[in-house]
PDB file of N, CA and C in Angstrom:
ATOM      1  N   MET A   1     109.037  93.364  88.348  1.00  0.00           N
ATOM      2  CA  MET A   1     109.230  91.833  88.442  1.00  0.00           C
ATOM      3  C   MET A   1     110.948  91.761  88.457  1.00  0.00           C
ATOM      4  N   TYR A   2     111.240  91.451  90.041  1.00  0.00           N
ATOM      5  CA  TYR A   2     113.014  91.304  89.795  1.00  0.00           C
ATOM      6  C   TYR A   2     113.390  89.912  90.491  1.00  0.00           C
ATOM      7  N   SER A   3     113.910  89.334  89.835  1.00  0.00           N
ATOM      8  CA  SER A   3     114.867  88.072  90.072  1.00  0.00           C
ATOM      9  C   SER A   3     116.049  87.375  90.427  1.00  0.00           C
ATOM     10  N   GLU A   4     116.661  88.179  90.460  1.00  0.00           N
ATOM     11  CA  GLU A   4     118.476  87.951  90.740  1.00  0.00           C
ATOM     12  C   GLU A   4     118.597  88.416  92.152  1.00  0.00           C
ATOM     13  N   PRO A   5     119.172  86.856  92.812  1.00  0.00           N
ATOM     14  CA  PRO A   5     119.270  87.304  94.170  1.00  0.00           C
ATOM     15  C   PRO A   5     120.151  88.251  94.789  1.00  0.00           C
ATOM     16  N   GLN A   6     119.757  88.787  95.496  1.00  0.00           N
ATOM     17  CA  GLN A   6     120.987  90.180  95.858  1.00  0.00           C
ATOM     18  C   GLN A   6     120.546  90.406  97.510  1.00  0.00           C
ATOM     19  N   PRO A   7     121.280  90.822  98.333  1.00  0.00           N
ATOM     20  CA  PRO A   7     121.340  91.353  99.104  1.00  0.00           C
ATOM     21  C   PRO A   7     119.813  92.592  99.338  1.00  0.00           C
ATOM     22  N   THR A   8     118.794  92.581 100.260  1.00  0.00           N
ATOM     23  CA  THR A   8     117.660  93.396 100.152  1.00  0.00           C
ATOM     24  C   THR A   8     118.116  94.490 101.392  1.00  0.00           C
ATOM     25  N   ALA A   9     117.318  95.370 101.432  1.00  0.00           N
ATOM     26  CA  ALA A   9     117.498  97.124 102.373  1.00  0.00           C
ATOM     27  C   ALA A   9     116.917  96.328 103.956  1.00  0.00           C
ATOM     28  N   SER A  10     116.281  95.258 103.986  1.00  0.00           N
ATOM     29  CA  SER A  10     115.515  94.636 104.994  1.00  0.00           C
ATOM     30  C   SER A  10     117.333  94.157 105.535  1.00  0.00           C
ATOM     31  N   GLY A  11     118.172  93.732 104.862  1.00  0.00           N
ATOM     32  CA  GLY A  11     118.994  92.748 105.642  1.00  0.00           C
ATOM     33  C   GLY A  11     119.405  91.129 105.438  1.00  0.00           C
ATOM     34  N   GLU A  12     117.851  90.798 104.780  1.00  0.00           N
ATOM     35  CA  GLU A  12     117.621  89.535 104.242  1.00  0.00           C
ATOM     36  C   GLU A  12     117.817  89.627 102.757  1.00  0.00           C
ATOM     37  N   TYR A  13     118.757  87.978 102.480  1.00  0.00           N
ATOM     38  CA  TYR A  13     118.616  87.679 100.864  1.00  0.00           C
ATOM     39  C   TYR A  13     117.667  87.975 100.039  1.00  0.00           C
ATOM     40  N   PHE A  14     117.579  88.316  99.072  1.00  0.00           N
ATOM     41  CA  PHE A  14     116.235  88.400  98.404  1.00  0.00           C
ATOM     42  C   PHE A  14     116.326  86.998  97.478  1.00  0.00           C
ATOM     43  N   ASP A  15     115.195  86.218  97.646  1.00  0.00           N
ATOM     44  CA  ASP A  15     114.642  85.018  97.269  1.00  0.00           C
ATOM     45  C   ASP A  15     113.655  84.964  96.364  1.00  0.00           C
ATOM     46  N   PRO A  16     113.758  85.136  95.180  1.00  0.00           N
ATOM     47  CA  PRO A  16     112.710  84.899  93.807  1.00  0.00           C
ATOM     48  C   PRO A  16     111.305  83.793  94.215  1.00  0.00           C
ATOM     49  N   SER A  17     111.782  82.965  94.826  1.00  0.00           N
ATOM     50  CA  SER A  17     110.760  82.062  95.382  1.00  0.00           C
ATOM     51  C   SER A  17     109.683  82.267  96.125  1.00  0.00           C
ATOM     52  N   THR A  18     110.178  83.585  97.120  1.00  0.00           N
ATOM     53  CA  THR A  18     109.057  83.750  98.231  1.00  0.00           C
ATOM     54  C   THR A  18     108.828  84.807  97.440  1.00  0.00           C
ATOM     55  N   LEU A  19     107.020  85.147  98.412  1.00  0.00           N
ATOM     56  CA  LEU A  19     105.853  86.137  98.124  1.00  0.00           C
ATOM     57  C   LEU A  19     106.574  87.774  98.711  1.00  0.00           C
ATOM     58  N   THR A  20     107.200  88.514  98.241  1.00  0.00           N
ATOM     59  CA  THR A  20     108.043  89.416  98.770  1.00  0.00           C
ATOM     60  C   THR A  20     107.958  90.433  97.525  1.00  0.00           C
ATOM     61  N   ALA A  21     107.996  91.829  98.012  1.00  0.00           N
ATOM     62  CA  ALA A  21     108.280  93.107  96.867  1.00  0.00           C
ATOM     63  C   ALA A  21     108.910  94.222  97.443  1.00  0.00           C
ATOM     64  N   ALA A  22     109.601  94.628  96.636  1.00  0.00           N
ATOM     65  CA  ALA A  22     109.922  96.128  97.301  1.00  0.00           C
ATOM     66  C   ALA A  22     109.050  97.506  96.850  1.00  0.00           C
ATOM     67  N   HIS A  23     108.998  98.329  97.382  1.00  0.00           N
ATOM     68  CA  HIS A  23     108.542  99.599  97.729  1.00  0.00           C
ATOM     69  C   HIS A  23     109.231 100.970  98.109  1.00  0.00           C
ATOM     70  N   LYS A  24     109.344 101.911  97.876  1.00  0.00           N
ATOM     71  CA  LYS A  24     110.262 103.093  98.286  1.00  0.00           C
ATOM     72  C   LYS A  24     110.156 103.757  99.419  1.00  0.00           C
ATOM     73  N   THR A  25     108.384 102.884 100.529  1.00  0.00           N
ATOM     74  CA  THR A  25     108.144 103.859 101.322  1.00  0.00           C
ATOM     75  C   THR A  25     107.750 103.126 102.564  1.00  0.00           C
ATOM     76  N   LEU A  26     107.057 102.227 102.063  1.00  0.00           N
ATOM     77  CA  LEU A  26     106.227 101.625 103.353  1.00  0.00           C
ATOM     78  C   LEU A  26     107.271 100.584 104.489  1.00  0.00           C
ATOM     79  N   PRO A  27     106.563 100.641 105.131  1.00  0.00           N
ATOM     80  CA  PRO A  27     107.610  99.853 106.022  1.00  0.00           C
ATOM     81  C   PRO A  27     107.977  98.448 105.724  1.00  0.00           C
ATOM     82  N   MET A  28     109.356  97.976 106.352  1.00  0.00           N
ATOM     83  CA  MET A  28     109.918  96.838 105.984  1.00  0.00           C
ATOM     84  C   MET A  28     108.351  95.784 107.025  1.00  0.00           C
ATOM     85  N   ASP A  29     108.057  94.522 106.029  1.00  0.00           N
ATOM     86  CA  ASP A  29     106.595  93.455 106.902  1.00  0.00           C
ATOM     87  C   ASP A  29     106.100  93.908 106.422  1.00  0.00           C
ATOM     88  N   THR A  30     105.617  95.393 105.645  1.00  0.00           N
ATOM     89  CA  THR A  30     104.061  95.516 105.991  1.00  0.00           C
ATOM     90  C   THR A  30     103.703  94.234 104.880  1.00  0.00           C
ATOM     91  N   GLN A  31     102.390  94.075 104.610  1.00  0.00           N
ATOM     92  CA  GLN A  31     101.905  93.115 103.618  1.00  0.00           C
ATOM     93  C   GLN A  31     100.804  93.594 103.014  1.00  0.00           C
ATOM     94  N   VAL A  32     101.120  93.621 102.150  1.00  0.00           N
ATOM     95  CA  VAL A  32     100.115  94.163 100.772  1.00  0.00           C
ATOM     96  C   VAL A  32      99.616  93.507  99.831  1.00  0.00           C
ATOM     97  N   ARG A  33      98.428  93.524  99.429  1.00  0.00           N
ATOM     98  CA  ARG A  33      97.724  92.975  98.551  1.00  0.00           C
ATOM     99  C   ARG A  33      97.689  93.570  97.409  1.00  0.00           C
ATOM    100  N   VAL A  34      98.327  92.715  96.164  1.00  0.00           N
ATOM    101  CA  VAL A  34      98.352  93.037  94.786  1.00  0.00           C
ATOM    102  C   VAL A  34      97.364  92.446  93.832  1.00  0.00           C
ATOM    103  N   THR A  35      96.750  93.190  93.215  1.00  0.00           N
ATOM    104  CA  THR A  35      95.811  92.451  92.163  1.00  0.00           C
ATOM    105  C   THR A  35      96.091  93.329  90.804  1.00  0.00           C
ATOM    106  N   ASN A  36      95.918  91.873  90.069  1.00  0.00           N
ATOM    107  CA  ASN A  36      96.297  92.475  88.206  1.00  0.00           C
ATOM    108  C   ASN A  36      94.674  92.349  88.220  1.00  0.00           C
ATOM    109  N   PRO A  37      93.989  93.658  87.392  1.00  0.00           N
ATOM    110  CA  PRO A  37      93.093  94.061  87.264  1.00  0.00           C
ATOM    111  C   PRO A  37      92.448  93.189  85.720  1.00  0.00           C
ATOM    112  N   ALA A  38      93.511  93.270  85.206  1.00  0.00           N
ATOM    113  CA  ALA A  38      92.964  92.515  83.757  1.00  0.00           C
ATOM    114  C   ALA A  38      92.881  90.935  83.843  1.00  0.00           C
ATOM    115  N   ASN A  39      92.972  90.229  85.318  1.00  0.00           N
ATOM    116  CA  ASN A  39      92.303  89.193  85.233  1.00  0.00           C
ATOM    117  C   ASN A  39      91.903  88.946  86.747  1.00  0.00           C
ATOM    118  N   GLY A  40      91.777  89.733  87.817  1.00  0.00           N
ATOM    119  CA  GLY A  40      91.138  89.658  88.961  1.00  0.00           C
ATOM    120  C   GLY A  40      92.132  88.718  89.872  1.00  0.00           C
ATOM    121  N   LYS A  41      93.330  88.369  89.453  1.00  0.00           N
ATOM    122  CA  LYS A  41      94.080  87.589  90.301  1.00  0.00           C
ATOM    123  C   LYS A  41      95.122  88.723  91.087  1.00  0.00           C
ATOM    124  N   SER A  42      94.874  87.661  92.351  1.00  0.00           N
ATOM    125  CA  SER A  42      95.986  88.502  93.378  1.00  0.00           C
ATOM    126  C   SER A  42      97.134  87.893  94.261  1.00  0.00           C
ATOM    127  N   VAL A  43      97.841  88.543  94.899  1.00  0.00           N
ATOM    128  CA  VAL A  43      98.721  88.015  95.736  1.00  0.00           C
ATOM    129  C   VAL A  43      98.761  88.993  96.752  1.00  0.00           C
ATOM    130  N   VAL A  44      99.189  88.209  98.060  1.00  0.00           N
ATOM    131  CA  VAL A  44     100.008  88.887  99.208  1.00  0.00           C
ATOM    132  C   VAL A  44     101.351  89.197  99.573  1.00  0.00           C
ATOM    133  N   VAL A  45     101.611  90.254  99.109  1.00  0.00           N
ATOM    134  CA  VAL A  45     103.406  90.072  99.768  1.00  0.00           C
ATOM    135  C   VAL A  45     103.942  91.111 100.835  1.00  0.00           C
ATOM    136  N   ARG A  46     105.003  90.537 101.183  1.00  0.00           N
ATOM    137  CA  ARG A  46     105.516  90.947 102.367  1.00  0.00           C
ATOM    138  C   ARG A  46     106.879  92.130 101.601  1.00  0.00           C
ATOM    139  N   ILE A  47     106.399  93.345 102.289  1.00  0.00           N
ATOM    140  CA  ILE A  47     107.536  94.217 101.813  1.00  0.00           C
ATOM    141  C   ILE A  47     108.866  93.954 102.513  1.00  0.00           C
ATOM    142  N   ASN A  48     110.009  93.736 101.671  1.00  0.00           N
ATOM    143  CA  ASN A  48     111.420  93.469 102.495  1.00  0.00           C
ATOM    144  C   ASN A  48     112.336  94.270 101.398  1.00  0.00           C
ATOM    145  N   ASP A  49     112.021  95.365 100.563  1.00  0.00           N
ATOM    146  CA  ASP A  49     113.469  96.213  99.699  1.00  0.00           C
ATOM    147  C   ASP A  49     112.880  97.362  99.570  1.00  0.00           C
ATOM    148  N   ARG A  50     113.725  97.993  99.089  1.00  0.00           N
ATOM    149  CA  ARG A  50     113.206  99.589  98.591  1.00  0.00           C
ATOM    150  C   ARG A  50     113.563  99.312  96.740  1.00  0.00           C
ATOM    151  N   GLY A  51     112.571 100.555  96.519  1.00  0.00           N
ATOM    152  CA  GLY A  51     112.647 100.449  95.157  1.00  0.00           C
ATOM    153  C   GLY A  51     110.953 100.348  94.636  1.00  0.00           C
ATOM    154  N   PRO A  52     110.644 100.126  93.347  1.00  0.00           N
ATOM    155  CA  PRO A  52     111.463 100.611  92.512  1.00  0.00           C
ATOM    156  C   PRO A  52     111.796 101.810  92.065  1.00  0.00           C
ATOM    157  N   TYR A  53     113.038 101.781  91.018  1.00  0.00           N
ATOM    158  CA  TYR A  53     113.805 103.196  90.836  1.00  0.00           C
ATOM    159  C   TYR A  53     113.448 103.196  89.279  1.00  0.00           C
ATOM    160  N   ILE A  54     112.377 103.202  88.858  1.00  0.00           N
ATOM    161  CA  ILE A  54     112.166 103.305  87.679  1.00  0.00           C
ATOM    162  C   ILE A  54     110.999 104.373  87.680  1.00  0.00           C
ATOM    163  N   GLU A  55     110.633 105.134  87.032  1.00  0.00           N
ATOM    164  CA  GLU A  55     109.506 106.381  87.269  1.00  0.00           C
ATOM    165  C   GLU A  55     108.426 105.852  86.831  1.00  0.00           C
ATOM    166  N   GLY A  56     107.283 105.908  87.305  1.00  0.00           N
ATOM    167  CA  GLY A  56     106.120 105.198  87.577  1.00  0.00           C
ATOM    168  C   GLY A  56     105.849 103.901  87.309  1.00  0.00           C
ATOM    169  N   ARG A  57     106.513 103.241  88.494  1.00  0.00           N
ATOM    170  CA  ARG A  57     106.343 101.560  88.850  1.00  0.00           C
ATOM    171  C   ARG A  57     105.987 102.160  90.627  1.00  0.00           C
ATOM    172  N   CYS A  58     105.176 101.241  91.148  1.00  0.00           N
ATOM    173  CA  CYS A  58     104.794 101.245  92.390  1.00  0.00           C
ATOM    174  C   CYS A  58     105.573 100.338  93.081  1.00  0.00           C
ATOM    175  N   LEU A  59     105.618  99.257  92.488  1.00  0.00           N
ATOM    176  CA  LEU A  59     105.896  97.938  93.211  1.00  0.00           C
ATOM    177  C   LEU A  59     106.915  96.939  92.264  1.00  0.00           C
ATOM    178  N   ASP A  60     108.123  96.681  93.142  1.00  0.00           N
ATOM    179  CA  ASP A  60     109.006  95.619  92.481  1.00  0.00           C
ATOM    180  C   ASP A  60     108.705  94.265  93.083  1.00  0.00           C
ATOM    181  N   LEU A  61     108.168  93.312  92.227  1.00  0.00           N
ATOM    182  CA  LEU A  61     107.437  92.013  92.650  1.00  0.00           C
ATOM    183  C   LEU A  61     108.629  90.794  92.490  1.00  0.00           C
ATOM    184  N   SER A  62     108.673  89.885  93.249  1.00  0.00           N
ATOM    185  CA  SER A  62     109.672  88.887  93.238  1.00  0.00           C
ATOM    186  C   SER A  62     108.879  88.002  91.816  1.00  0.00           C
ATOM    187  N   THR A  63     109.751  87.132  91.766  1.00  0.00           N
ATOM    188  CA  THR A  63     109.156  85.967  90.490  1.00  0.00           C
ATOM    189  C   THR A  63     108.269  85.367  90.826  1.00  0.00           C
ATOM    190  N   ALA A  64     108.453  84.936  91.862  1.00  0.00           N
ATOM    191  CA  ALA A  64     107.050  84.168  92.203  1.00  0.00           C
ATOM    192  C   ALA A  64     105.536  85.153  92.810  1.00  0.00           C
ATOM    193  N   ALA A  65     106.076  86.043  93.177  1.00  0.00           N
ATOM    194  CA  ALA A  65     104.925  86.923  93.515  1.00  0.00           C
ATOM    195  C   ALA A  65     104.078  87.084  92.134  1.00  0.00           C
ATOM    196  N   PHE A  66     104.941  87.571  91.150  1.00  0.00           N
ATOM    197  CA  PHE A  66     104.449  87.849  89.619  1.00  0.00           C
ATOM    198  C   PHE A  66     103.925  87.548  89.221  1.00  0.00           C
ATOM    199  N   GLU A  67     104.201  85.972  89.144  1.00  0.00           N
ATOM    200  CA  GLU A  67     103.668  84.965  88.261  1.00  0.00           C
ATOM    201  C   GLU A  67     102.507  83.754  88.624  1.00  0.00           C
ATOM    202  N   THR A  68     102.301  84.689  90.014  1.00  0.00           N
ATOM    203  CA  THR A  68     100.501  84.783  90.517  1.00  0.00           C
ATOM    204  C   THR A  68      99.716  85.318  90.185  1.00  0.00           C
ATOM    205  N   ILE A  69     100.124  86.294  89.608  1.00  0.00           N
ATOM    206  CA  ILE A  69      98.901  87.626  88.674  1.00  0.00           C
ATOM    207  C   ILE A  69      99.161  87.550  87.687  1.00  0.00           C
ATOM    208  N   ALA A  70     100.364  87.369  86.723  1.00  0.00           N
ATOM    209  CA  ALA A  70     100.591  87.368  85.631  1.00  0.00           C
ATOM    210  C   ALA A  70     101.335  86.341  84.850  1.00  0.00           C
ATOM    211  N   SER A  71     101.630  86.454  83.759  1.00  0.00           N
ATOM    212  CA  SER A  71     102.641  85.749  82.921  1.00  0.00           C
ATOM    213  C   SER A  71     104.222  86.080  83.331  1.00  0.00           C
ATOM    214  N   ALA A  72     105.047  85.740  83.717  1.00  0.00           N
ATOM    215  CA  ALA A  72     106.341  86.304  83.522  1.00  0.00           C
ATOM    216  C   ALA A  72     106.722  87.001  82.364  1.00  0.00           C
ATOM    217  N   ASP A  73     106.413  86.252  81.353  1.00  0.00           N
ATOM    218  CA  ASP A  73     106.914  86.716  79.912  1.00  0.00           C
ATOM    219  C   ASP A  73     106.382  88.316  79.733  1.00  0.00           C
ATOM    220  N   GLN A  74     105.561  89.055  80.639  1.00  0.00           N
ATOM    221  CA  GLN A  74     105.095  90.235  80.278  1.00  0.00           C
ATOM    222  C   GLN A  74     106.334  90.931  80.968  1.00  0.00           C
ATOM    223  N   GLY A  75     106.205  90.308  82.359  1.00  0.00           N
ATOM    224  CA  GLY A  75     107.326  91.739  82.990  1.00  0.00           C
ATOM    225  C   GLY A  75     107.475  92.475  83.752  1.00  0.00           C
ATOM    226  N   VAL A  76     106.271  93.525  83.068  1.00  0.00           N
ATOM    227  CA  VAL A  76     105.458  94.622  83.841  1.00  0.00           C
ATOM    228  C   VAL A  76     104.037  94.633  83.480  1.00  0.00           C
ATOM    229  N   VAL A  77     103.200  94.818  84.922  1.00  0.00           N
ATOM    230  CA  VAL A  77     101.719  94.982  84.526  1.00  0.00           C
ATOM    231  C   VAL A  77     101.543  95.952  85.344  1.00  0.00           C
ATOM    232  N   ASP A  78     100.272  96.500  85.021  1.00  0.00           N
ATOM    233  CA  ASP A  78      99.673  97.209  85.544  1.00  0.00           C
ATOM    234  C   ASP A  78      98.764  96.903  86.849  1.00  0.00           C
ATOM    235  N   VAL A  79      98.950  97.296  88.364  1.00  0.00           N
ATOM    236  CA  VAL A  79      97.874  96.596  89.102  1.00  0.00           C
ATOM    237  C   VAL A  79      97.409  97.872  90.332  1.00  0.00           C
ATOM    238  N   ASP A  80      96.592  97.005  91.391  1.00  0.00           N
ATOM    239  CA  ASP A  80      96.204  97.676  92.482  1.00  0.00           C
ATOM    240  C   ASP A  80      96.769  96.989  93.309  1.00  0.00           C
ATOM    241  N   TRP A  81      96.934  98.027  94.615  1.00  0.00           N
ATOM    242  CA  TRP A  81      97.250  97.499  95.221  1.00  0.00           C
ATOM    243  C   TRP A  81      96.770  98.343  97.145  1.00  0.00           C
ATOM    244  N   GLN A  82      97.216  97.367  98.222  1.00  0.00           N
ATOM    245  CA  GLN A  82      96.269  97.653  99.124  1.00  0.00           C
ATOM    246  C   GLN A  82      97.215  97.798 100.287  1.00  0.00           C
TER     247      GLN A  82
END
């Protein structure tokens, strides 16, 4: 999860209240369904940035997207995505 407003690789300004995410290689504007297998909750996000740059992580979700599937206190959760 990331939450600091900042420019994104797509050229738009990151808004933590939108359902967006970062991925290293998927095309910008790709829609991805992200599911938390621990609770079955899912969210559809739009790729608008590049990242994450931490080994072993597949997506960085906006705060709003993350809070749809998990508690913000967790910060990091295992997910399934397609």
